Amino acid sequence: MDAYLVFAFEIAISIAVSLVALRLLSSPLIGVLRRVCPDEEAALFWQTYTKVMLLLAPLLMVLMFGLFASSGDPLRHLQLMALAALGGLLLGLVIIGRLLGRFVVLPLPLVES
């Protein structure tokens, strides 16, 4: 398979994985950010920041894994790139989840007297 076509598929896999995750997270994310941020501008900034990070993390992982992948079977190569994209997305979500998790306040348990 042509190297440019494989590279295009790698990028497409990365972007597709990111866009699916962003589509699922956009509404709940802005709700959480509106609660924890001091104003609307801050919430919109952090929403945009999160979207950029969730696009960049999988793309970076795909590009890094692509440097070390052998040029053997194209299907194996694309599988590795899909794995890299999902791993990058997972890494981005873990980091963002940990950061936002600091601001989530859990209710105190009820104590019966």
Foldseek 3Di string as FASTA:
>chain_A
DDPVVLVVLLLVLLQVVLVVVCVVCVPVQLVLLCVQDPDNVRSVVVSVVLSVQLSPQLSVQLVVVVVVDDPPDSVVNSVVSNVSSVVSNVVSCVVVCVVSVVRDDDDDDDDDD
